[in-house]
Amino acid sequence: MSLFGLITICTVVAFLTHEHQPHYGGKSLTYWMDVYSKEYNYEIAGHPRGYEGRDAIRAIGTNALPYLLEWMNYERPRSDSRRTIGKFLLRLPYISRFDSIRKWMNHYAEVDRATLAVKAFGALGRLADPALPELNRRMNTNAQADISYRATIALGQIGESAIPLLSAQLANTNAPNRAQVANVFGWFPALATNDSSVVPMLVTCLDAPDTTLHRNAALALARIAEFSQPNPDLVIPILTNQLRAVPGQDTIFHSGLLLALAAYGEKARGAVPLLQQMAVDQTDWVRVKATNALMKIAPEVLTTAPAQ
């Protein structure tokens, strides 16, 4: 097939897909997904800019679900004809200046649309409940990492009704995506406080041999503690014991533990003796993190200027 023929087919497919997707207010679902993504990013940054995109997606409602699920169901190929053609085109004079060629050969449009589809589940909330079984199936697949990852995030976006599925994944030591579920509970800390089993499970994950899982669990506990300081009698002693027992070479893990203790504030005073020892450690980052934790837990014990 000629390059012209390939481009023509892609254009026709894109046109047909655009025309047949749901519309609201004369604009397509993909248009509103882009609007909502910008709203979402501004809100996360603490600068809300309105909710037109969110409200439009909610108005489309369950009619959006087949399209969101289809667009999410994308796994970028490791090698394909696009990359072969793209590499050839980029060797031609002047063509290398066109960033659109690189975007096309690397499937950026499909990946971006899949990412926007995941965010759209946050706009739908409980309206997306009919998609829970399919998202759960995708989350539990080993074969397609991108699809499993997106399904896990989409469940977190949906919110409270997805908590049992996420909790079951975290509790299952054979589940393929536990580390990402730990991340989701950190990104959406209200979910962790709506189910009393989540925080104890994250605490258990601190001992997991999977490095990514125990790092994510520590960071999730820090974010959750900033939100609501749950289960201090359970969490604080274990955080302290982990700091005492595990060598400090894993900076991400130890930073998460220290951030979690700091988030408990005065409730973590039992960790002060250990933190005082760490505040005079030979390693710079250990001293800084421990001192910053003491500033929030027991600032009166500090005898030197606090670290910034």
Foldseek 3Di string as FASTA:
>chain_A
DDPVVVVVVVVVVVVVVQVPADDDPNHHLLVLLVVQVVQVVCVVVVHGDDCPSLVRLQVCFPSCVVVLLVLLPDFFDPDDVLLVVLVVQCVDPPSVVDVVSVCRSRVVVSVVSNVSSLLNLLSNQVSCVVCLVVLLVQLQDPPGVSSVLSSLSSLLSNPQVSLVSLQVQLVDPPGDCNLSSLLSCLVVVVSQVVDVVNLVSLLVQCPPPPPSNNLSSLQSLLSNLLVPNPPLVPRLVSLLVCVVPDDCPPPSNVLSSLSNLLSPFQSNVVSLVVLVVQLPDPDDVSVQSSQSSCCRHPPVPDPDDHHD
